[in-house]
Amino acid sequence: MLETLTSRVRSAQKHAPVDLEGLASSLGLKVNYAYLPAGISGELVSDNGSFSININAGDPPTRQRFTLAHEIGHYVRHRDLIGTGLDDDRAYRSTNQGRYFNTRIGPKQETEANKFAANLLMPWDLIEEMQEAGLNRSQIAGQLGVSEHAMAIRLGEPYP
């Protein structure tokens, strides 16, 4: 499974922006864009062994991409803890504001999903290629479909 996952991730990361929807599909995940309750960025829902990810359609595209990558991270790393589902708020924390309040997903799992998302969305090899081509942080963020703030964090640079 790990080798298959690694090859699927690498395939999704061949070109910028990373093909998140293709990766989700290859993992058997259905992705939906819907207007979720205020403060909810995404949900990962289980229904009889099938999983779907709901992304808040009202969020900006860069947030939607990070949310999708974050929920894929939960699926890959925490599938055994999902139960019927989980909600993630705007700070990417499991919350009781949505339909699912999953007490099995805590700060440790949320941090793991955030790291997975950052690594998935902003692979170092693509970043280095773009830097060598002379692109600046803002341009790289645009090419990868992430916020400049997320790109600054990934690069370890200050952001105003």
N, C-alpha and C. Protein backbone atom coordinates (compact mmCIF):
# COMPACT_ATOMS: atom_id res chain seq x y z
N MET A 1 0.83 -1.20 0.00
CA MET A 1 0.00 0.00 0.00
C MET A 1 0.87 1.25 0.00
N LEU A 2 1.92 1.30 0.82
CA LEU A 2 2.77 2.48 0.91
C LEU A 2 3.43 2.77 -0.42
N GLU A 3 3.93 1.72 -1.10
CA GLU A 3 4.57 1.93 -2.39
C GLU A 3 3.57 2.48 -3.41
N THR A 4 2.35 1.95 -3.40
CA THR A 4 1.32 2.43 -4.30
C THR A 4 0.98 3.88 -3.98
N LEU A 5 0.83 4.21 -2.71
CA LEU A 5 0.54 5.58 -2.30
C LEU A 5 1.64 6.51 -2.76
N THR A 6 2.88 6.13 -2.52
CA THR A 6 4.02 6.95 -2.91
C THR A 6 4.02 7.20 -4.41
N SER A 7 3.77 6.18 -5.20
CA SER A 7 3.76 6.36 -6.65
C SER A 7 2.59 7.24 -7.09
N ARG A 8 1.45 7.11 -6.43
CA ARG A 8 0.30 7.97 -6.76
C ARG A 8 0.58 9.43 -6.42
N VAL A 9 1.20 9.65 -5.26
CA VAL A 9 1.55 11.02 -4.86
C VAL A 9 2.55 11.59 -5.85
N ARG A 10 3.59 10.85 -6.18
CA ARG A 10 4.60 11.34 -7.13
C ARG A 10 4.00 11.65 -8.49
N SER A 11 3.07 10.83 -8.92
CA SER A 11 2.40 11.08 -10.19
C SER A 11 1.62 12.39 -10.14
N ALA A 12 0.93 12.64 -9.03
CA ALA A 12 0.15 13.87 -8.87
C ALA A 12 1.06 15.10 -8.80
N GLN A 13 2.30 14.91 -8.36
CA GLN A 13 3.23 16.02 -8.17
C GLN A 13 4.14 16.27 -9.37
N LYS A 14 3.90 15.62 -10.49
CA LYS A 14 4.79 15.78 -11.65
C LYS A 14 4.80 17.20 -12.19
N HIS A 15 3.66 17.86 -12.14
CA HIS A 15 3.54 19.20 -12.70
C HIS A 15 2.80 20.09 -11.72
N ALA A 16 3.08 21.38 -11.83
CA ALA A 16 2.38 22.35 -10.99
C ALA A 16 1.13 22.83 -11.74
N PRO A 17 0.04 23.04 -11.02
CA PRO A 17 -0.17 22.71 -9.62
C PRO A 17 -0.40 21.21 -9.45
N VAL A 18 -0.12 20.72 -8.26
CA VAL A 18 -0.28 19.30 -7.95
C VAL A 18 -1.74 18.90 -8.22
N ASP A 19 -1.91 17.75 -8.86
CA ASP A 19 -3.24 17.26 -9.24
C ASP A 19 -3.92 16.57 -8.06
N LEU A 20 -4.52 17.38 -7.19
CA LEU A 20 -5.16 16.84 -5.99
C LEU A 20 -6.39 16.01 -6.30
N GLU A 21 -7.20 16.49 -7.22
CA GLU A 21 -8.42 15.75 -7.54
C GLU A 21 -8.10 14.41 -8.19
N GLY A 22 -7.07 14.38 -9.03
CA GLY A 22 -6.64 13.11 -9.61
C GLY A 22 -6.14 12.15 -8.56
N LEU A 23 -5.38 12.68 -7.59
CA LEU A 23 -4.89 11.84 -6.50
C LEU A 23 -6.05 11.31 -5.68
N ALA A 24 -6.98 12.18 -5.33
CA ALA A 24 -8.15 11.76 -4.55
C ALA A 24 -8.90 10.65 -5.28
N SER A 25 -9.12 10.84 -6.56
CA SER A 25 -9.82 9.84 -7.36
C SER A 25 -9.07 8.52 -7.37
N SER A 26 -7.75 8.58 -7.51
CA SER A 26 -6.95 7.34 -7.54
C SER A 26 -7.00 6.60 -6.21
N LEU A 27 -7.30 7.33 -5.14
CA LEU A 27 -7.44 6.72 -3.81
C LEU A 27 -8.87 6.27 -3.53
N GLY A 28 -9.76 6.50 -4.48
CA GLY A 28 -11.16 6.11 -4.30
C GLY A 28 -11.99 7.12 -3.53
N LEU A 29 -11.50 8.35 -3.44
CA LEU A 29 -12.20 9.41 -2.71
C LEU A 29 -13.02 10.25 -3.68
N LYS A 30 -14.26 10.50 -3.30
CA LYS A 30 -15.11 11.40 -4.07
C LYS A 30 -14.96 12.79 -3.47
N VAL A 31 -14.79 13.80 -4.32
CA VAL A 31 -14.62 15.17 -3.86
C VAL A 31 -15.84 15.98 -4.28
N ASN A 32 -16.42 16.69 -3.30
CA ASN A 32 -17.59 17.53 -3.52
C ASN A 32 -17.28 18.93 -3.04
N TYR A 33 -17.81 19.91 -3.76
CA TYR A 33 -17.71 21.31 -3.33
C TYR A 33 -19.13 21.73 -2.96
N ALA A 34 -19.30 22.15 -1.72
CA ALA A 34 -20.62 22.50 -1.20
C ALA A 34 -20.48 23.65 -0.22
N TYR A 35 -21.59 24.33 0.02
CA TYR A 35 -21.57 25.39 1.03
C TYR A 35 -21.77 24.74 2.38
N LEU A 36 -20.69 24.67 3.14
CA LEU A 36 -20.70 24.04 4.46
C LEU A 36 -21.04 25.09 5.51
N PRO A 37 -21.36 24.65 6.72
CA PRO A 37 -21.66 25.62 7.79
C PRO A 37 -20.53 26.62 7.99
N ALA A 38 -20.89 27.80 8.44
CA ALA A 38 -19.90 28.85 8.69
C ALA A 38 -18.77 28.32 9.56
N GLY A 39 -17.55 28.61 9.18
CA GLY A 39 -16.40 28.19 9.97
C GLY A 39 -15.87 26.80 9.64
N ILE A 40 -16.54 26.05 8.77
CA ILE A 40 -16.09 24.71 8.41
C ILE A 40 -15.43 24.78 7.03
N SER A 41 -14.17 24.35 6.96
CA SER A 41 -13.44 24.35 5.69
C SER A 41 -13.62 23.03 4.93
N GLY A 42 -13.73 21.93 5.67
CA GLY A 42 -13.85 20.65 5.00
C GLY A 42 -14.35 19.55 5.90
N GLU A 43 -14.81 18.49 5.26
CA GLU A 43 -15.27 17.30 5.96
C GLU A 43 -14.72 16.07 5.24
N LEU A 44 -14.44 15.06 6.01
CA LEU A 44 -14.10 13.75 5.48
C LEU A 44 -15.17 12.81 6.02
N VAL A 45 -15.94 12.20 5.13
CA VAL A 45 -17.12 11.44 5.52
C VAL A 45 -16.97 9.99 5.06
N SER A 46 -17.33 9.08 5.95
CA SER A 46 -17.33 7.65 5.64
C SER A 46 -18.76 7.14 5.59
N ASP A 47 -19.07 6.39 4.54
CA ASP A 47 -20.40 5.80 4.40
C ASP A 47 -20.23 4.38 3.89
N ASN A 48 -20.35 3.42 4.81
CA ASN A 48 -20.23 2.00 4.46
C ASN A 48 -18.93 1.68 3.71
N GLY A 49 -17.83 2.23 4.18
CA GLY A 49 -16.53 1.93 3.60
C GLY A 49 -16.12 2.83 2.45
N SER A 50 -17.03 3.66 1.95
CA SER A 50 -16.70 4.63 0.92
C SER A 50 -16.44 5.97 1.60
N PHE A 51 -15.46 6.69 1.09
CA PHE A 51 -15.10 7.97 1.69
C PHE A 51 -15.32 9.10 0.69
N SER A 52 -15.77 10.22 1.19
CA SER A 52 -15.88 11.42 0.37
C SER A 52 -15.36 12.61 1.16
N ILE A 53 -14.91 13.59 0.40
CA ILE A 53 -14.39 14.82 0.99
C ILE A 53 -15.29 15.95 0.51
N ASN A 54 -15.80 16.72 1.45
CA ASN A 54 -16.59 17.90 1.13
C ASN A 54 -15.76 19.13 1.44
N ILE A 55 -15.65 20.00 0.45
CA ILE A 55 -14.85 21.22 0.56
C ILE A 55 -15.80 22.41 0.53
N ASN A 56 -15.56 23.41 1.37
CA ASN A 56 -16.41 24.58 1.41
C ASN A 56 -16.26 25.38 0.12
N ALA A 57 -17.34 25.41 -0.67
CA ALA A 57 -17.34 26.10 -1.96
C ALA A 57 -17.19 27.61 -1.80
N GLY A 58 -17.44 28.14 -0.62
CA GLY A 58 -17.32 29.57 -0.39
C GLY A 58 -15.92 30.03 -0.06
N ASP A 59 -15.01 29.10 0.14
CA ASP A 59 -13.63 29.46 0.47
C ASP A 59 -12.83 29.81 -0.79
N PRO A 60 -11.78 30.62 -0.65
CA PRO A 60 -10.92 30.93 -1.80
C PRO A 60 -10.25 29.65 -2.34
N PRO A 61 -9.92 29.64 -3.63
CA PRO A 61 -9.32 28.44 -4.24
C PRO A 61 -8.07 27.92 -3.52
N THR A 62 -7.20 28.81 -3.03
CA THR A 62 -6.00 28.34 -2.35
C THR A 62 -6.36 27.61 -1.06
N ARG A 63 -7.37 28.10 -0.32
CA ARG A 63 -7.82 27.42 0.90
C ARG A 63 -8.48 26.10 0.54
N GLN A 64 -9.26 26.07 -0.53
CA GLN A 64 -9.89 24.83 -0.95
C GLN A 64 -8.84 23.77 -1.26
N ARG A 65 -7.76 24.17 -1.94
CA ARG A 65 -6.70 23.21 -2.27
C ARG A 65 -6.02 22.69 -1.00
N PHE A 66 -5.72 23.60 -0.06
CA PHE A 66 -5.08 23.14 1.17
C PHE A 66 -6.03 22.22 1.95
N THR A 67 -7.31 22.58 2.00
CA THR A 67 -8.29 21.74 2.70
C THR A 67 -8.36 20.36 2.07
N LEU A 68 -8.40 20.29 0.74
CA LEU A 68 -8.45 19.00 0.07
C LEU A 68 -7.21 18.18 0.40
N ALA A 69 -6.04 18.80 0.34
CA ALA A 69 -4.80 18.08 0.67
C ALA A 69 -4.80 17.64 2.13
N HIS A 70 -5.32 18.48 3.02
CA HIS A 70 -5.40 18.16 4.46
C HIS A 70 -6.32 16.95 4.68
N GLU A 71 -7.47 16.95 4.03
CA GLU A 71 -8.41 15.83 4.20
C GLU A 71 -7.86 14.55 3.58
N ILE A 72 -7.14 14.65 2.47
CA ILE A 72 -6.47 13.47 1.92
C ILE A 72 -5.47 12.95 2.95
N GLY A 73 -4.78 13.87 3.62
CA GLY A 73 -3.84 13.47 4.68
C GLY A 73 -4.53 12.70 5.79
N HIS A 74 -5.69 13.16 6.22
CA HIS A 74 -6.45 12.41 7.23
C HIS A 74 -6.80 11.01 6.71
N TYR A 75 -7.24 10.94 5.47
CA TYR A 75 -7.62 9.65 4.90
C TYR A 75 -6.43 8.69 4.88
N VAL A 76 -5.29 9.19 4.44
CA VAL A 76 -4.10 8.35 4.33
C VAL A 76 -3.56 7.96 5.69
N ARG A 77 -3.51 8.90 6.62
CA ARG A 77 -2.83 8.67 7.90
C ARG A 77 -3.76 8.24 9.04
N HIS A 78 -5.05 8.59 8.97
CA HIS A 78 -5.93 8.39 10.13
C HIS A 78 -7.24 7.68 9.79
N ARG A 79 -7.25 6.93 8.73
CA ARG A 79 -8.49 6.28 8.28
C ARG A 79 -9.16 5.49 9.39
N ASP A 80 -8.35 4.86 10.24
CA ASP A 80 -8.90 4.04 11.32
C ASP A 80 -9.56 4.88 12.43
N LEU A 81 -9.36 6.19 12.42
CA LEU A 81 -9.93 7.07 13.44
C LEU A 81 -11.13 7.87 12.95
N ILE A 82 -11.45 7.77 11.68
CA ILE A 82 -12.46 8.65 11.09
C ILE A 82 -13.88 8.33 11.58
N GLY A 83 -14.18 7.06 11.79
CA GLY A 83 -15.56 6.72 12.16
C GLY A 83 -16.50 7.12 11.04
N THR A 84 -17.59 7.84 11.37
CA THR A 84 -18.53 8.28 10.33
C THR A 84 -18.07 9.55 9.64
N GLY A 85 -17.16 10.28 10.27
CA GLY A 85 -16.66 11.48 9.63
C GLY A 85 -15.96 12.41 10.57
N LEU A 86 -15.45 13.49 10.00
CA LEU A 86 -14.83 14.55 10.80
C LEU A 86 -14.98 15.86 10.06
N ASP A 87 -15.06 16.93 10.83
CA ASP A 87 -15.10 18.30 10.32
C ASP A 87 -13.79 18.96 10.68
N ASP A 88 -13.33 19.83 9.81
CA ASP A 88 -12.18 20.67 10.13
C ASP A 88 -12.59 22.13 9.98
N ASP A 89 -12.27 22.92 11.01
CA ASP A 89 -12.62 24.33 10.98
C ASP A 89 -11.58 25.12 10.20
N ARG A 90 -11.69 26.41 10.24
CA ARG A 90 -10.79 27.27 9.46
C ARG A 90 -9.35 27.20 9.94
N ALA A 91 -9.14 26.74 11.17
CA ALA A 91 -7.77 26.57 11.70
C ALA A 91 -7.31 25.13 11.51
N TYR A 92 -8.07 24.34 10.74
CA TYR A 92 -7.77 22.93 10.52
C TYR A 92 -7.68 22.16 11.82
N ARG A 93 -8.70 22.33 12.61
CA ARG A 93 -8.86 21.59 13.86
C ARG A 93 -10.22 20.92 13.84
N SER A 94 -10.28 19.70 14.36
CA SER A 94 -11.57 19.02 14.48
C SER A 94 -12.46 19.86 15.37
N THR A 95 -13.70 20.01 14.97
CA THR A 95 -14.58 20.95 15.65
C THR A 95 -15.96 20.36 15.90
N ASN A 96 -16.69 20.97 16.80
CA ASN A 96 -18.08 20.55 17.03
C ASN A 96 -19.05 21.49 16.33
N GLN A 97 -18.56 22.36 15.46
CA GLN A 97 -19.42 23.31 14.76
C GLN A 97 -20.16 22.66 13.59
N GLY A 98 -19.65 21.61 13.03
CA GLY A 98 -20.25 20.99 11.86
C GLY A 98 -21.10 19.78 12.22
N ARG A 99 -21.25 18.90 11.25
CA ARG A 99 -22.07 17.70 11.45
C ARG A 99 -21.36 16.62 12.24
N TYR A 100 -20.03 16.63 12.22
CA TYR A 100 -19.25 15.57 12.85
C TYR A 100 -18.33 16.16 13.90
N PHE A 101 -18.38 15.62 15.07
CA PHE A 101 -17.40 16.01 16.08
C PHE A 101 -16.68 14.74 16.46
N ASN A 102 -15.47 14.62 15.99
CA ASN A 102 -14.69 13.40 16.14
C ASN A 102 -13.62 13.62 17.21
N THR A 103 -13.85 13.10 18.39
CA THR A 103 -12.90 13.29 19.49
C THR A 103 -11.66 12.41 19.33
N ARG A 104 -11.66 11.52 18.35
CA ARG A 104 -10.49 10.67 18.12
C ARG A 104 -9.42 11.39 17.31
N ILE A 105 -9.80 12.49 16.68
CA ILE A 105 -8.86 13.31 15.91
C ILE A 105 -8.50 14.51 16.78
N GLY A 106 -7.25 14.55 17.22
CA GLY A 106 -6.81 15.63 18.10
C GLY A 106 -5.70 16.45 17.47
N PRO A 107 -5.06 17.29 18.27
CA PRO A 107 -3.99 18.16 17.74
C PRO A 107 -2.87 17.40 17.03
N LYS A 108 -2.50 16.25 17.54
CA LYS A 108 -1.42 15.46 16.90
C LYS A 108 -1.81 15.07 15.48
N GLN A 109 -3.03 14.57 15.31
CA GLN A 109 -3.48 14.15 13.99
C GLN A 109 -3.67 15.35 13.05
N GLU A 110 -4.15 16.46 13.60
CA GLU A 110 -4.31 17.66 12.77
C GLU A 110 -2.96 18.18 12.28
N THR A 111 -1.96 18.15 13.14
CA THR A 111 -0.61 18.57 12.74
C THR A 111 -0.07 17.64 11.65
N GLU A 112 -0.28 16.34 11.82
CA GLU A 112 0.17 15.38 10.81
C GLU A 112 -0.52 15.64 9.47
N ALA A 113 -1.82 15.92 9.49
CA ALA A 113 -2.54 16.20 8.24
C ALA A 113 -2.06 17.50 7.61
N ASN A 114 -1.74 18.51 8.42
CA ASN A 114 -1.20 19.76 7.89
C ASN A 114 0.16 19.55 7.23
N LYS A 115 1.03 18.78 7.87
CA LYS A 115 2.35 18.50 7.29
C LYS A 115 2.21 17.71 5.99
N PHE A 116 1.31 16.73 5.99
CA PHE A 116 1.06 15.96 4.78
C PHE A 116 0.63 16.89 3.67
N ALA A 117 -0.30 17.80 3.98
CA ALA A 117 -0.83 18.74 2.98
C ALA A 117 0.28 19.63 2.43
N ALA A 118 1.11 20.17 3.30
CA ALA A 118 2.19 21.05 2.85
C ALA A 118 3.17 20.30 1.95
N ASN A 119 3.54 19.09 2.34
CA ASN A 119 4.45 18.29 1.54
C ASN A 119 3.84 17.91 0.19
N LEU A 120 2.54 17.63 0.20
CA LEU A 120 1.85 17.25 -1.03
C LEU A 120 1.73 18.44 -1.99
N LEU A 121 1.29 19.57 -1.49
CA LEU A 121 1.04 20.74 -2.32
C LEU A 121 2.30 21.46 -2.79
N MET A 122 3.35 21.41 -1.97
CA MET A 122 4.56 22.19 -2.26
C MET A 122 5.79 21.29 -2.23
N PRO A 123 5.89 20.38 -3.20
CA PRO A 123 7.04 19.47 -3.21
C PRO A 123 8.34 20.22 -3.50
N TRP A 124 9.36 19.85 -2.76
CA TRP A 124 10.64 20.56 -2.89
C TRP A 124 11.20 20.54 -4.29
N ASP A 125 11.04 19.43 -5.01
CA ASP A 125 11.63 19.38 -6.35
C ASP A 125 10.98 20.41 -7.29
N LEU A 126 9.67 20.60 -7.18
CA LEU A 126 9.02 21.63 -8.01
C LEU A 126 9.43 23.03 -7.56
N ILE A 127 9.50 23.23 -6.24
CA ILE A 127 9.93 24.54 -5.72
C ILE A 127 11.33 24.88 -6.23
N GLU A 128 12.25 23.92 -6.13
CA GLU A 128 13.63 24.16 -6.58
C GLU A 128 13.70 24.44 -8.07
N GLU A 129 12.90 23.72 -8.88
CA GLU A 129 12.87 23.98 -10.32
C GLU A 129 12.45 25.42 -10.59
N MET A 130 11.42 25.86 -9.88
CA MET A 130 10.90 27.21 -10.09
C MET A 130 11.88 28.28 -9.60
N GLN A 131 12.54 28.01 -8.48
CA GLN A 131 13.55 28.95 -7.99
C GLN A 131 14.69 29.07 -9.00
N GLU A 132 15.13 27.93 -9.54
CA GLU A 132 16.20 27.94 -10.54
C GLU A 132 15.79 28.68 -11.80
N ALA A 133 14.48 28.68 -12.09
CA ALA A 133 13.97 29.41 -13.25
C ALA A 133 13.79 30.90 -12.96
N GLY A 134 14.10 31.31 -11.72
CA GLY A 134 14.06 32.72 -11.37
C GLY A 134 12.73 33.22 -10.82
N LEU A 135 11.82 32.31 -10.51
CA LEU A 135 10.54 32.73 -9.96
C LEU A 135 10.69 33.13 -8.50
N ASN A 136 9.95 34.16 -8.10
CA ASN A 136 9.98 34.57 -6.69
C ASN A 136 8.90 33.83 -5.90
N ARG A 137 8.85 34.07 -4.60
CA ARG A 137 7.92 33.36 -3.71
C ARG A 137 6.47 33.49 -4.17
N SER A 138 6.07 34.69 -4.53
CA SER A 138 4.70 34.93 -4.95
C SER A 138 4.37 34.16 -6.24
N GLN A 139 5.31 34.17 -7.17
CA GLN A 139 5.10 33.45 -8.43
C GLN A 139 5.05 31.94 -8.21
N ILE A 140 5.90 31.44 -7.34
CA ILE A 140 5.89 30.00 -7.04
C ILE A 140 4.57 29.62 -6.39
N ALA A 141 4.12 30.44 -5.45
CA ALA A 141 2.83 30.17 -4.79
C ALA A 141 1.72 30.11 -5.84
N GLY A 142 1.73 31.06 -6.77
CA GLY A 142 0.71 31.08 -7.82
C GLY A 142 0.76 29.83 -8.69
N GLN A 143 1.97 29.41 -9.06
CA GLN A 143 2.12 28.21 -9.88
C GLN A 143 1.62 26.96 -9.16
N LEU A 144 1.85 26.90 -7.85
CA LEU A 144 1.46 25.73 -7.07
C LEU A 144 0.01 25.81 -6.55
N GLY A 145 -0.63 26.95 -6.73
CA GLY A 145 -2.01 27.09 -6.29
C GLY A 145 -2.16 27.14 -4.78
N VAL A 146 -1.18 27.77 -4.13
CA VAL A 146 -1.22 27.92 -2.67
C VAL A 146 -1.12 29.41 -2.34
N SER A 147 -1.44 29.76 -1.12
CA SER A 147 -1.30 31.15 -0.71
C SER A 147 0.17 31.51 -0.54
N GLU A 148 0.45 32.79 -0.68
CA GLU A 148 1.83 33.22 -0.46
C GLU A 148 2.25 32.98 0.99
N HIS A 149 1.31 33.10 1.90
CA HIS A 149 1.60 32.83 3.32
C HIS A 149 2.03 31.37 3.51
N ALA A 150 1.30 30.44 2.91
CA ALA A 150 1.67 29.02 3.00
C ALA A 150 3.05 28.78 2.39
N MET A 151 3.32 29.46 1.27
CA MET A 151 4.62 29.31 0.61
C MET A 151 5.73 29.84 1.50
N ALA A 152 5.50 30.97 2.17
CA ALA A 152 6.50 31.53 3.08
C ALA A 152 6.80 30.56 4.22
N ILE A 153 5.75 29.96 4.76
CA ILE A 153 5.94 28.98 5.85
C ILE A 153 6.77 27.81 5.34
N ARG A 154 6.44 27.31 4.16
CA ARG A 154 7.17 26.17 3.58
C ARG A 154 8.64 26.50 3.38
N LEU A 155 8.92 27.74 2.97
CA LEU A 155 10.30 28.15 2.71
C LEU A 155 11.02 28.60 3.97
N GLY A 156 10.29 28.71 5.07
CA GLY A 156 10.91 29.17 6.32
C GLY A 156 11.23 30.65 6.28
N GLU A 157 10.45 31.41 5.53
CA GLU A 157 10.67 32.84 5.39
C GLU A 157 9.62 33.61 6.18
N PRO A 158 9.96 34.81 6.62
CA PRO A 158 8.96 35.63 7.31
C PRO A 158 7.87 36.08 6.35
N TYR A 159 6.69 36.28 6.88
CA TYR A 159 5.58 36.78 6.09
C TYR A 159 4.90 37.87 6.89
N PRO A 160 4.72 39.05 6.25
CA PRO A 160 4.13 40.18 7.01
C PRO A 160 2.73 39.90 7.52
